[in-house]
Amino acid sequence: MTRKSVFDIIRRALGRPIRQEEVDAIDRAIDSGDFAACGFSDQNSVTPVTPSPAEPRKVSARGIALIQQFEGCAKRRRDGKVEAYPDPGTGGDPWTIGWGATGPGIGKGTVWTQDACDARLEADCERFAAQVAAALGQAPTTQAQFDALVSFHYNTGAIASATLTRLHKAGDHEGAAREFARWCHAGGRVMPGLVRRREAEAALYRSR
């Protein structure tokens, strides 16, 4: 069983997203166990990890919790379903639903169940993690750095072109961490929510 599987089981049992303080408590409990016997890997290790073609990099529970914290699952209706909402910067496109899902088929009037929102989150995390891993290539990357970059890419879609990616690959991690703050605009305006998200991502990127 992987660490993600443990968090998936707990999330389903709770019937809601896992809060950050709960994530931290569960991580501490897992980290105190015998990884060899349980099959867990230490997601909090600061040892840089080189991607393996046979074992794709994955965002950890800590990274998923950060994404959920800032994406939210807004516009919940009285019947428990979730409705799409317009971009806060433009007041229109791109429309978003669930945990920050956008794209074809999502627009004004789109309605999903919570299960559909959660399934899309899982699929999007896998897709964005694969794109981040491809953009980083063989650059040494800790799990915390990888999680922060997946959250950044989940929100911006810019991992392939961002200066912070180039700086990270060059080993200038402090320079890369400073670059997060540049990505706080939407519709030509500085968005307080994006400022907070970039600060949290930079803090995660720098963490051990």
N, C-alpha and C. Protein backbone atom coordinates (compact mmCIF):
# COMPACT_ATOMS: atom_id res chain seq x y z
N MET A 1 0.85 -1.20 0.00
CA MET A 1 0.00 0.00 0.00
C MET A 1 0.88 1.24 0.00
N THR A 2 0.56 2.22 -0.86
CA THR A 2 1.34 3.45 -0.92
C THR A 2 0.79 4.48 0.06
N ARG A 3 1.58 5.52 0.27
CA ARG A 3 1.14 6.60 1.15
C ARG A 3 -0.14 7.25 0.61
N LYS A 4 -0.22 7.44 -0.71
CA LYS A 4 -1.41 8.03 -1.31
C LYS A 4 -2.64 7.17 -1.04
N SER A 5 -2.46 5.84 -1.10
CA SER A 5 -3.59 4.93 -0.85
C SER A 5 -4.13 5.12 0.56
N VAL A 6 -3.22 5.31 1.51
CA VAL A 6 -3.64 5.54 2.90
C VAL A 6 -4.51 6.79 2.99
N PHE A 7 -4.05 7.87 2.36
CA PHE A 7 -4.81 9.12 2.41
C PHE A 7 -6.13 8.99 1.66
N ASP A 8 -6.15 8.24 0.56
CA ASP A 8 -7.40 8.03 -0.18
C ASP A 8 -8.43 7.32 0.68
N ILE A 9 -7.97 6.30 1.43
CA ILE A 9 -8.88 5.54 2.30
C ILE A 9 -9.43 6.44 3.40
N ILE A 10 -8.55 7.26 3.98
CA ILE A 10 -8.98 8.15 5.06
C ILE A 10 -9.96 9.19 4.54
N ARG A 11 -9.67 9.76 3.33
CA ARG A 11 -10.55 10.77 2.76
C ARG A 11 -11.94 10.20 2.48
N ARG A 12 -11.98 8.97 1.94
CA ARG A 12 -13.27 8.36 1.67
C ARG A 12 -14.04 8.07 2.95
N ALA A 13 -13.31 7.66 3.98
CA ALA A 13 -13.97 7.35 5.26
C ALA A 13 -14.55 8.62 5.89
N LEU A 14 -13.82 9.74 5.77
CA LEU A 14 -14.29 11.00 6.34
C LEU A 14 -15.42 11.59 5.52
N GLY A 15 -15.40 11.33 4.23
CA GLY A 15 -16.41 11.91 3.34
C GLY A 15 -16.17 13.37 3.04
N ARG A 16 -14.94 13.81 3.19
CA ARG A 16 -14.56 15.21 2.93
C ARG A 16 -13.07 15.28 2.69
N PRO A 17 -12.56 16.41 2.16
CA PRO A 17 -11.11 16.56 2.00
C PRO A 17 -10.40 16.54 3.35
N ILE A 18 -9.15 16.09 3.35
CA ILE A 18 -8.36 16.05 4.57
C ILE A 18 -7.73 17.43 4.79
N ARG A 19 -7.91 17.98 6.00
CA ARG A 19 -7.35 19.29 6.31
C ARG A 19 -5.84 19.19 6.49
N GLN A 20 -5.14 20.34 6.31
CA GLN A 20 -3.68 20.33 6.36
C GLN A 20 -3.15 19.81 7.68
N GLU A 21 -3.77 20.22 8.80
CA GLU A 21 -3.28 19.75 10.09
C GLU A 21 -3.46 18.24 10.24
N GLU A 22 -4.51 17.70 9.60
CA GLU A 22 -4.71 16.26 9.62
C GLU A 22 -3.68 15.56 8.75
N VAL A 23 -3.38 16.17 7.60
CA VAL A 23 -2.33 15.62 6.73
C VAL A 23 -1.02 15.52 7.49
N ASP A 24 -0.66 16.60 8.20
CA ASP A 24 0.60 16.61 8.94
C ASP A 24 0.62 15.53 10.02
N ALA A 25 -0.51 15.38 10.73
CA ALA A 25 -0.57 14.38 11.81
C ALA A 25 -0.46 12.96 11.24
N ILE A 26 -1.14 12.71 10.12
CA ILE A 26 -1.08 11.39 9.51
C ILE A 26 0.32 11.11 8.98
N ASP A 27 0.94 12.13 8.36
CA ASP A 27 2.31 11.96 7.88
C ASP A 27 3.26 11.59 9.02
N ARG A 28 3.11 12.25 10.16
CA ARG A 28 3.99 11.93 11.30
C ARG A 28 3.77 10.50 11.76
N ALA A 29 2.51 10.06 11.77
CA ALA A 29 2.23 8.69 12.19
C ALA A 29 2.83 7.68 11.22
N ILE A 30 2.71 7.95 9.93
CA ILE A 30 3.28 7.05 8.93
C ILE A 30 4.80 7.03 9.04
N ASP A 31 5.40 8.23 9.22
CA ASP A 31 6.86 8.33 9.25
C ASP A 31 7.48 7.62 10.45
N SER A 32 6.69 7.40 11.49
CA SER A 32 7.23 6.73 12.68
C SER A 32 7.22 5.21 12.53
N GLY A 33 6.63 4.71 11.43
CA GLY A 33 6.54 3.28 11.23
C GLY A 33 7.75 2.71 10.51
N ASP A 34 7.66 1.42 10.18
CA ASP A 34 8.72 0.70 9.49
C ASP A 34 8.41 0.72 8.00
N PHE A 35 9.09 1.57 7.24
CA PHE A 35 8.80 1.73 5.82
C PHE A 35 9.07 0.44 5.05
N ALA A 36 10.11 -0.28 5.43
CA ALA A 36 10.44 -1.50 4.71
C ALA A 36 9.31 -2.52 4.82
N ALA A 37 8.72 -2.60 6.01
CA ALA A 37 7.65 -3.57 6.22
C ALA A 37 6.35 -3.12 5.59
N CYS A 38 6.10 -1.81 5.62
CA CYS A 38 4.82 -1.29 5.15
C CYS A 38 4.81 -0.94 3.67
N GLY A 39 5.99 -0.82 3.08
CA GLY A 39 6.05 -0.48 1.68
C GLY A 39 5.94 1.00 1.40
N PHE A 40 6.10 1.84 2.44
CA PHE A 40 6.04 3.27 2.25
C PHE A 40 7.41 3.82 1.89
N SER A 41 7.42 4.95 1.18
CA SER A 41 8.65 5.69 0.96
C SER A 41 8.55 6.99 1.71
N ASP A 42 9.66 7.53 2.18
CA ASP A 42 9.65 8.74 2.99
C ASP A 42 9.44 9.95 2.10
N GLN A 43 8.19 10.44 2.03
CA GLN A 43 7.87 11.58 1.18
C GLN A 43 8.50 12.87 1.69
N ASN A 44 8.91 12.91 2.96
CA ASN A 44 9.47 14.13 3.51
C ASN A 44 10.98 14.18 3.42
N SER A 45 11.59 13.17 2.82
CA SER A 45 13.03 13.16 2.69
C SER A 45 13.52 14.34 1.87
N VAL A 46 14.65 14.92 2.24
CA VAL A 46 15.20 16.04 1.49
C VAL A 46 16.19 15.55 0.44
N THR A 47 16.39 14.25 0.34
CA THR A 47 17.30 13.71 -0.66
C THR A 47 16.72 13.92 -2.04
N PRO A 48 17.42 14.59 -2.96
CA PRO A 48 16.88 14.77 -4.31
C PRO A 48 16.62 13.42 -4.95
N VAL A 49 15.52 13.34 -5.67
CA VAL A 49 15.11 12.10 -6.31
C VAL A 49 15.18 12.27 -7.82
N THR A 50 15.84 11.34 -8.48
CA THR A 50 15.90 11.35 -9.93
C THR A 50 14.77 10.50 -10.48
N PRO A 51 13.95 11.05 -11.40
CA PRO A 51 12.81 10.29 -11.91
C PRO A 51 13.25 8.99 -12.57
N SER A 52 12.43 7.97 -12.41
CA SER A 52 12.69 6.68 -13.05
C SER A 52 11.62 6.45 -14.11
N PRO A 53 12.01 6.10 -15.33
CA PRO A 53 11.02 5.88 -16.38
C PRO A 53 9.99 4.83 -16.01
N ALA A 54 10.41 3.85 -15.21
CA ALA A 54 9.50 2.76 -14.84
C ALA A 54 8.59 3.14 -13.67
N GLU A 55 8.89 4.23 -12.99
CA GLU A 55 8.13 4.62 -11.81
C GLU A 55 7.89 6.13 -11.85
N PRO A 56 6.80 6.58 -12.48
CA PRO A 56 6.54 8.02 -12.66
C PRO A 56 6.47 8.75 -11.33
N ARG A 57 6.95 9.98 -11.34
CA ARG A 57 6.84 10.81 -10.14
C ARG A 57 5.39 11.12 -9.85
N LYS A 58 5.03 11.14 -8.58
CA LYS A 58 3.66 11.45 -8.18
C LYS A 58 3.66 12.56 -7.14
N VAL A 59 2.62 13.37 -7.18
CA VAL A 59 2.47 14.39 -6.15
C VAL A 59 2.05 13.70 -4.86
N SER A 60 2.58 14.15 -3.73
CA SER A 60 2.27 13.50 -2.45
C SER A 60 0.98 14.06 -1.86
N ALA A 61 0.55 13.45 -0.75
CA ALA A 61 -0.65 13.93 -0.06
C ALA A 61 -0.50 15.38 0.37
N ARG A 62 0.72 15.77 0.70
CA ARG A 62 0.97 17.15 1.10
C ARG A 62 0.73 18.11 -0.07
N GLY A 63 1.17 17.71 -1.26
CA GLY A 63 0.95 18.54 -2.43
C GLY A 63 -0.51 18.60 -2.82
N ILE A 64 -1.21 17.46 -2.73
CA ILE A 64 -2.64 17.44 -3.06
C ILE A 64 -3.42 18.32 -2.09
N ALA A 65 -3.04 18.29 -0.80
CA ALA A 65 -3.72 19.13 0.20
C ALA A 65 -3.53 20.60 -0.13
N LEU A 66 -2.34 20.98 -0.62
CA LEU A 66 -2.11 22.38 -0.99
C LEU A 66 -2.99 22.77 -2.17
N ILE A 67 -3.09 21.91 -3.15
CA ILE A 67 -3.95 22.18 -4.30
C ILE A 67 -5.40 22.34 -3.85
N GLN A 68 -5.87 21.43 -3.00
CA GLN A 68 -7.25 21.50 -2.52
C GLN A 68 -7.49 22.77 -1.71
N GLN A 69 -6.49 23.19 -0.93
CA GLN A 69 -6.64 24.38 -0.11
C GLN A 69 -6.95 25.60 -0.95
N PHE A 70 -6.29 25.73 -2.09
CA PHE A 70 -6.46 26.94 -2.90
C PHE A 70 -7.48 26.77 -4.02
N GLU A 71 -7.71 25.56 -4.48
CA GLU A 71 -8.72 25.37 -5.51
C GLU A 71 -10.12 25.36 -4.91
N GLY A 72 -10.23 24.80 -3.71
CA GLY A 72 -11.53 24.68 -3.09
C GLY A 72 -12.43 23.78 -3.92
N CYS A 73 -13.65 23.67 -3.53
CA CYS A 73 -14.65 22.95 -4.32
C CYS A 73 -15.92 23.79 -4.19
N ALA A 74 -15.89 24.94 -4.86
CA ALA A 74 -16.89 25.98 -4.65
C ALA A 74 -18.20 25.71 -5.38
N LYS A 75 -19.15 26.60 -5.13
CA LYS A 75 -20.47 26.59 -5.78
C LYS A 75 -21.22 25.29 -5.55
N ARG A 76 -21.23 24.87 -4.27
CA ARG A 76 -21.98 23.65 -3.93
C ARG A 76 -23.46 24.01 -3.82
N ARG A 77 -24.30 23.21 -4.45
CA ARG A 77 -25.73 23.46 -4.45
C ARG A 77 -26.41 22.75 -3.28
N ARG A 78 -27.66 23.07 -3.07
CA ARG A 78 -28.40 22.46 -1.97
C ARG A 78 -28.55 20.96 -2.13
N ASP A 79 -28.55 20.48 -3.39
CA ASP A 79 -28.68 19.04 -3.62
C ASP A 79 -27.35 18.31 -3.47
N GLY A 80 -26.28 19.03 -3.08
CA GLY A 80 -24.98 18.42 -2.86
C GLY A 80 -24.09 18.39 -4.08
N LYS A 81 -24.64 18.73 -5.24
CA LYS A 81 -23.84 18.76 -6.46
C LYS A 81 -23.07 20.08 -6.55
N VAL A 82 -22.10 20.11 -7.45
CA VAL A 82 -21.19 21.26 -7.56
C VAL A 82 -21.38 21.89 -8.93
N GLU A 83 -21.44 23.22 -8.95
CA GLU A 83 -21.73 23.97 -10.17
C GLU A 83 -20.50 24.74 -10.63
N ALA A 84 -20.34 24.91 -11.94
CA ALA A 84 -19.21 25.66 -12.49
C ALA A 84 -19.34 27.15 -12.16
N TYR A 85 -18.18 27.82 -12.06
CA TYR A 85 -18.18 29.27 -11.78
C TYR A 85 -17.19 29.96 -12.72
N PRO A 86 -17.40 31.27 -12.99
CA PRO A 86 -16.54 31.99 -13.93
C PRO A 86 -15.18 32.33 -13.33
N ASP A 87 -14.21 32.58 -14.20
CA ASP A 87 -12.88 32.99 -13.76
C ASP A 87 -12.98 34.32 -13.01
N PRO A 88 -12.37 34.43 -11.81
CA PRO A 88 -12.49 35.68 -11.04
C PRO A 88 -11.79 36.86 -11.70
N GLY A 89 -10.81 36.58 -12.56
CA GLY A 89 -10.11 37.68 -13.23
C GLY A 89 -10.87 38.23 -14.41
N THR A 90 -11.56 37.36 -15.17
CA THR A 90 -12.25 37.79 -16.38
C THR A 90 -13.76 37.92 -16.20
N GLY A 91 -14.31 37.25 -15.18
CA GLY A 91 -15.75 37.22 -15.01
C GLY A 91 -16.44 36.29 -15.98
N GLY A 92 -15.65 35.53 -16.72
CA GLY A 92 -16.19 34.59 -17.71
C GLY A 92 -15.27 33.42 -17.90
N ASP A 93 -14.85 33.21 -19.16
CA ASP A 93 -13.92 32.10 -19.46
C ASP A 93 -12.55 32.32 -18.82
N PRO A 94 -11.85 31.26 -18.42
CA PRO A 94 -12.33 29.87 -18.42
C PRO A 94 -13.19 29.57 -17.20
N TRP A 95 -14.28 28.85 -17.43
CA TRP A 95 -15.14 28.41 -16.33
C TRP A 95 -14.46 27.26 -15.61
N THR A 96 -14.69 27.21 -14.30
CA THR A 96 -14.02 26.22 -13.45
C THR A 96 -15.07 25.46 -12.64
N ILE A 97 -14.76 24.20 -12.36
CA ILE A 97 -15.66 23.40 -11.53
C ILE A 97 -14.83 22.46 -10.65
N GLY A 98 -15.40 22.10 -9.52
CA GLY A 98 -14.73 21.16 -8.62
C GLY A 98 -13.42 21.70 -8.11
N TRP A 99 -12.37 20.86 -8.15
CA TRP A 99 -11.05 21.22 -7.64
C TRP A 99 -10.23 21.90 -8.73
N GLY A 100 -10.76 22.99 -9.29
CA GLY A 100 -10.02 23.76 -10.27
C GLY A 100 -10.01 23.19 -11.67
N ALA A 101 -10.97 22.34 -12.00
CA ALA A 101 -11.01 21.73 -13.33
C ALA A 101 -11.54 22.71 -14.36
N THR A 102 -10.85 22.81 -15.49
CA THR A 102 -11.28 23.64 -16.61
C THR A 102 -11.14 22.84 -17.89
N GLY A 103 -11.61 23.40 -18.99
CA GLY A 103 -11.40 22.75 -20.28
C GLY A 103 -12.69 22.44 -21.00
N PRO A 104 -12.60 21.65 -22.08
CA PRO A 104 -13.78 21.33 -22.89
C PRO A 104 -14.90 20.71 -22.06
N GLY A 105 -16.12 21.16 -22.33
CA GLY A 105 -17.28 20.61 -21.63
C GLY A 105 -17.58 21.29 -20.31
N ILE A 106 -16.72 22.24 -19.89
CA ILE A 106 -16.95 22.95 -18.63
C ILE A 106 -17.30 24.41 -18.95
N GLY A 107 -18.48 24.82 -18.58
CA GLY A 107 -18.93 26.19 -18.87
C GLY A 107 -20.09 26.55 -17.97
N LYS A 108 -20.73 27.65 -18.27
CA LYS A 108 -21.87 28.09 -17.48
C LYS A 108 -22.94 27.00 -17.50
N GLY A 109 -23.41 26.60 -16.31
CA GLY A 109 -24.44 25.58 -16.22
C GLY A 109 -23.94 24.17 -16.04
N THR A 110 -22.61 23.97 -16.11
CA THR A 110 -22.06 22.63 -15.89
C THR A 110 -22.24 22.23 -14.42
N VAL A 111 -22.70 21.03 -14.17
CA VAL A 111 -22.93 20.52 -12.81
C VAL A 111 -22.33 19.13 -12.69
N TRP A 112 -21.55 18.90 -11.61
CA TRP A 112 -20.94 17.60 -11.35
C TRP A 112 -21.32 17.13 -9.95
N THR A 113 -21.22 15.81 -9.74
CA THR A 113 -21.32 15.26 -8.39
C THR A 113 -19.97 15.43 -7.69
N GLN A 114 -19.94 15.25 -6.36
CA GLN A 114 -18.69 15.33 -5.63
C GLN A 114 -17.73 14.23 -6.07
N ASP A 115 -18.27 13.04 -6.33
CA ASP A 115 -17.42 11.94 -6.79
C ASP A 115 -16.74 12.29 -8.11
N ALA A 116 -17.47 12.95 -9.00
CA ALA A 116 -16.89 13.36 -10.28
C ALA A 116 -15.79 14.40 -10.06
N CYS A 117 -15.99 15.31 -9.14
CA CYS A 117 -14.97 16.32 -8.82
C CYS A 117 -13.71 15.65 -8.29
N ASP A 118 -13.89 14.69 -7.37
CA ASP A 118 -12.74 14.01 -6.77
C ASP A 118 -11.99 13.15 -7.80
N ALA A 119 -12.74 12.50 -8.68
CA ALA A 119 -12.10 11.68 -9.71
C ALA A 119 -11.31 12.55 -10.68
N ARG A 120 -11.84 13.71 -11.02
CA ARG A 120 -11.13 14.62 -11.92
C ARG A 120 -9.87 15.16 -11.24
N LEU A 121 -9.94 15.45 -9.94
CA LEU A 121 -8.76 15.90 -9.20
C LEU A 121 -7.65 14.86 -9.28
N GLU A 122 -8.00 13.59 -9.04
CA GLU A 122 -7.00 12.53 -9.08
C GLU A 122 -6.38 12.41 -10.47
N ALA A 123 -7.22 12.46 -11.50
CA ALA A 123 -6.71 12.35 -12.87
C ALA A 123 -5.85 13.55 -13.24
N ASP A 124 -6.27 14.74 -12.82
CA ASP A 124 -5.50 15.95 -13.14
C ASP A 124 -4.17 15.96 -12.41
N CYS A 125 -4.14 15.50 -11.17
CA CYS A 125 -2.87 15.45 -10.43
C CYS A 125 -1.88 14.51 -11.13
N GLU A 126 -2.37 13.38 -11.61
CA GLU A 126 -1.49 12.46 -12.32
C GLU A 126 -0.99 13.08 -13.62
N ARG A 127 -1.89 13.76 -14.34
CA ARG A 127 -1.52 14.36 -15.62
C ARG A 127 -0.52 15.50 -15.43
N PHE A 128 -0.79 16.38 -14.48
CA PHE A 128 0.12 17.50 -14.26
C PHE A 128 1.45 17.03 -13.68
N ALA A 129 1.43 16.01 -12.83
CA ALA A 129 2.68 15.48 -12.29
C ALA A 129 3.54 14.92 -13.42
N ALA A 130 2.92 14.24 -14.37
CA ALA A 130 3.68 13.70 -15.51
C ALA A 130 4.28 14.83 -16.34
N GLN A 131 3.54 15.91 -16.52
CA GLN A 131 4.05 17.04 -17.30
C GLN A 131 5.19 17.75 -16.57
N VAL A 132 5.08 17.88 -15.25
CA VAL A 132 6.16 18.49 -14.48
C VAL A 132 7.40 17.61 -14.55
N ALA A 133 7.24 16.30 -14.38
CA ALA A 133 8.38 15.39 -14.45
C ALA A 133 9.06 15.48 -15.81
N ALA A 134 8.27 15.57 -16.87
CA ALA A 134 8.84 15.68 -18.21
C ALA A 134 9.61 16.98 -18.38
N ALA A 135 9.07 18.08 -17.82
CA ALA A 135 9.73 19.38 -17.94
C ALA A 135 11.03 19.42 -17.14
N LEU A 136 11.07 18.73 -16.01
CA LEU A 136 12.27 18.74 -15.16
C LEU A 136 13.35 17.80 -15.67
N GLY A 137 12.96 16.79 -16.42
CA GLY A 137 13.94 15.83 -16.91
C GLY A 137 14.66 15.14 -15.75
N GLN A 138 15.97 15.13 -15.80
CA GLN A 138 16.77 14.45 -14.78
C GLN A 138 17.24 15.40 -13.67
N ALA A 139 16.68 16.61 -13.61
CA ALA A 139 17.10 17.56 -12.57
C ALA A 139 16.77 17.02 -11.18
N PRO A 140 17.74 16.95 -10.26
CA PRO A 140 17.46 16.49 -8.90
C PRO A 140 16.36 17.35 -8.26
N THR A 141 15.37 16.68 -7.70
CA THR A 141 14.20 17.39 -7.17
C THR A 141 13.69 16.68 -5.93
N THR A 142 13.55 17.38 -4.82
CA THR A 142 12.97 16.78 -3.63
C THR A 142 11.47 16.63 -3.81
N GLN A 143 10.85 15.84 -2.95
CA GLN A 143 9.40 15.67 -3.03
C GLN A 143 8.69 16.99 -2.77
N ALA A 144 9.18 17.79 -1.81
CA ALA A 144 8.55 19.08 -1.52
C ALA A 144 8.64 20.00 -2.73
N GLN A 145 9.78 20.04 -3.39
CA GLN A 145 9.92 20.86 -4.58
C GLN A 145 8.98 20.39 -5.68
N PHE A 146 8.91 19.08 -5.85
CA PHE A 146 8.05 18.53 -6.89
C PHE A 146 6.58 18.87 -6.61
N ASP A 147 6.16 18.72 -5.36
CA ASP A 147 4.78 19.04 -4.99
C ASP A 147 4.47 20.50 -5.28
N ALA A 148 5.39 21.40 -4.92
CA ALA A 148 5.17 22.83 -5.15
C ALA A 148 5.06 23.13 -6.63
N LEU A 149 5.88 22.49 -7.44
CA LEU A 149 5.86 22.71 -8.88
C LEU A 149 4.59 22.14 -9.52
N VAL A 150 4.10 21.03 -9.01
CA VAL A 150 2.85 20.48 -9.53
C VAL A 150 1.69 21.43 -9.21
N SER A 151 1.65 21.96 -7.98
CA SER A 151 0.61 22.92 -7.62
C SER A 151 0.68 24.15 -8.52
N PHE A 152 1.89 24.64 -8.75
CA PHE A 152 2.09 25.79 -9.63
C PHE A 152 1.57 25.49 -11.04
N HIS A 153 1.93 24.33 -11.57
CA HIS A 153 1.53 23.97 -12.93
C HIS A 153 0.03 23.69 -13.00
N TYR A 154 -0.53 23.11 -11.96
CA TYR A 154 -1.97 22.83 -11.89
C TYR A 154 -2.75 24.13 -12.08
N ASN A 155 -2.23 25.21 -11.54
CA ASN A 155 -2.91 26.51 -11.58
C ASN A 155 -2.57 27.33 -12.82
N THR A 156 -1.32 27.24 -13.29
CA THR A 156 -0.87 28.12 -14.38
C THR A 156 -0.70 27.41 -15.72
N GLY A 157 -0.41 26.11 -15.68
CA GLY A 157 -0.12 25.38 -16.91
C GLY A 157 1.17 25.81 -17.58
N ALA A 158 2.07 26.44 -16.81
CA ALA A 158 3.24 27.09 -17.41
C ALA A 158 4.56 26.43 -17.10
N ILE A 159 4.56 25.18 -16.63
CA ILE A 159 5.81 24.57 -16.19
C ILE A 159 6.84 24.47 -17.31
N ALA A 160 6.41 24.30 -18.55
CA ALA A 160 7.36 24.11 -19.65
C ALA A 160 8.05 25.41 -20.05
N SER A 161 7.42 26.55 -19.78
CA SER A 161 7.97 27.83 -20.24
C SER A 161 8.45 28.76 -19.13
N ALA A 162 8.10 28.45 -17.88
CA ALA A 162 8.40 29.37 -16.78
C ALA A 162 9.90 29.46 -16.50
N THR A 163 10.35 30.66 -16.18
CA THR A 163 11.75 30.88 -15.80
C THR A 163 12.11 30.06 -14.57
N LEU A 164 11.14 29.89 -13.67
CA LEU A 164 11.46 29.14 -12.43
C LEU A 164 11.86 27.70 -12.75
N THR A 165 11.30 27.12 -13.82
CA THR A 165 11.69 25.77 -14.22
C THR A 165 13.14 25.74 -14.68
N ARG A 166 13.51 26.74 -15.49
CA ARG A 166 14.89 26.82 -15.98
C ARG A 166 15.86 27.00 -14.81
N LEU A 167 15.50 27.84 -13.85
CA LEU A 167 16.38 28.07 -12.70
C LEU A 167 16.49 26.81 -11.85
N HIS A 168 15.37 26.11 -11.66
CA HIS A 168 15.41 24.87 -10.88
C HIS A 168 16.33 23.85 -11.55
N LYS A 169 16.20 23.69 -12.85
CA LYS A 169 17.02 22.72 -13.57
C LYS A 169 18.50 23.09 -13.53
N ALA A 170 18.78 24.40 -13.39
CA ALA A 170 20.16 24.86 -13.30
C ALA A 170 20.71 24.73 -11.89
N GLY A 171 19.86 24.32 -10.95
CA GLY A 171 20.30 24.17 -9.56
C GLY A 171 20.18 25.43 -8.73
N ASP A 172 19.61 26.50 -9.30
CA ASP A 172 19.42 27.75 -8.57
C ASP A 172 18.05 27.69 -7.88
N HIS A 173 17.97 26.96 -6.80
CA HIS A 173 16.69 26.73 -6.15
C HIS A 173 16.16 27.98 -5.46
N GLU A 174 17.02 28.81 -4.92
CA GLU A 174 16.54 30.04 -4.29
C GLU A 174 16.00 31.00 -5.35
N GLY A 175 16.69 31.06 -6.47
CA GLY A 175 16.19 31.89 -7.57
C GLY A 175 14.85 31.39 -8.07
N ALA A 176 14.70 30.08 -8.16
CA ALA A 176 13.43 29.50 -8.59
C ALA A 176 12.33 29.82 -7.59
N ALA A 177 12.64 29.73 -6.30
CA ALA A 177 11.64 30.01 -5.27
C ALA A 177 11.14 31.45 -5.36
N ARG A 178 12.03 32.37 -5.69
CA ARG A 178 11.61 33.78 -5.81
C ARG A 178 10.70 34.01 -7.01
N GLU A 179 10.81 33.15 -8.02
CA GLU A 179 10.03 33.32 -9.24
C GLU A 179 8.53 33.07 -9.03
N PHE A 180 8.17 32.28 -8.00
CA PHE A 180 6.75 32.00 -7.78
C PHE A 180 5.94 33.29 -7.66
N ALA A 181 6.51 34.29 -7.00
CA ALA A 181 5.78 35.53 -6.71
C ALA A 181 5.38 36.29 -7.96
N ARG A 182 6.03 36.01 -9.08
CA ARG A 182 5.72 36.73 -10.31
C ARG A 182 4.38 36.29 -10.90
N TRP A 183 3.90 35.12 -10.51
CA TRP A 183 2.71 34.55 -11.12
C TRP A 183 1.48 34.80 -10.25
N CYS A 184 1.12 36.07 -10.11
CA CYS A 184 0.00 36.43 -9.23
C CYS A 184 -1.03 37.31 -9.93
N HIS A 185 -1.01 37.32 -11.27
CA HIS A 185 -1.93 38.16 -12.03
C HIS A 185 -3.00 37.33 -12.74
N ALA A 186 -4.18 37.92 -12.87
CA ALA A 186 -5.26 37.34 -13.67
C ALA A 186 -6.08 38.49 -14.22
N GLY A 187 -6.34 38.46 -15.51
CA GLY A 187 -7.08 39.56 -16.11
C GLY A 187 -6.37 40.89 -15.99
N GLY A 188 -5.01 40.83 -15.94
CA GLY A 188 -4.23 42.06 -15.84
C GLY A 188 -4.17 42.66 -14.45
N ARG A 189 -4.71 41.97 -13.46
CA ARG A 189 -4.72 42.48 -12.08
C ARG A 189 -4.03 41.51 -11.14
N VAL A 190 -3.43 42.06 -10.08
CA VAL A 190 -2.88 41.22 -9.01
C VAL A 190 -4.04 40.67 -8.20
N MET A 191 -4.08 39.35 -8.07
CA MET A 191 -5.17 38.69 -7.34
C MET A 191 -4.66 38.24 -5.97
N PRO A 192 -5.26 38.73 -4.89
CA PRO A 192 -4.81 38.35 -3.54
C PRO A 192 -4.75 36.84 -3.34
N GLY A 193 -5.71 36.11 -3.90
CA GLY A 193 -5.69 34.65 -3.75
C GLY A 193 -4.48 34.02 -4.40
N LEU A 194 -4.07 34.56 -5.56
CA LEU A 194 -2.88 34.04 -6.23
C LEU A 194 -1.61 34.42 -5.47
N VAL A 195 -1.61 35.60 -4.86
CA VAL A 195 -0.46 36.00 -4.04
C VAL A 195 -0.27 35.00 -2.91
N ARG A 196 -1.36 34.65 -2.23
CA ARG A 196 -1.29 33.70 -1.11
C ARG A 196 -0.86 32.32 -1.60
N ARG A 197 -1.38 31.92 -2.74
CA ARG A 197 -1.02 30.60 -3.26
C ARG A 197 0.45 30.53 -3.62
N ARG A 198 0.96 31.56 -4.30
CA ARG A 198 2.37 31.55 -4.67
C ARG A 198 3.26 31.58 -3.44
N GLU A 199 2.86 32.29 -2.39
CA GLU A 199 3.64 32.29 -1.15
C GLU A 199 3.68 30.89 -0.54
N ALA A 200 2.53 30.21 -0.55
CA ALA A 200 2.47 28.86 0.02
C ALA A 200 3.29 27.88 -0.81
N GLU A 201 3.25 28.02 -2.14
CA GLU A 201 4.03 27.14 -2.99
C GLU A 201 5.53 27.37 -2.80
N ALA A 202 5.92 28.65 -2.70
CA ALA A 202 7.33 28.95 -2.50
C ALA A 202 7.81 28.41 -1.15
N ALA A 203 6.96 28.52 -0.13
CA ALA A 203 7.31 28.00 1.20
C ALA A 203 7.47 26.48 1.14
N LEU A 204 6.57 25.81 0.44
CA LEU A 204 6.67 24.36 0.30
C LEU A 204 7.93 23.99 -0.49
N TYR A 205 8.21 24.71 -1.54
CA TYR A 205 9.40 24.46 -2.37
C TYR A 205 10.67 24.56 -1.54
N ARG A 206 10.69 25.52 -0.61
CA ARG A 206 11.90 25.73 0.23
C ARG A 206 11.94 24.78 1.42
N SER A 207 10.83 24.10 1.70
CA SER A 207 10.75 23.30 2.94
C SER A 207 11.56 22.03 2.86
N ARG A 208 11.74 21.41 4.03
CA ARG A 208 12.46 20.14 4.10
C ARG A 208 11.54 19.10 4.73
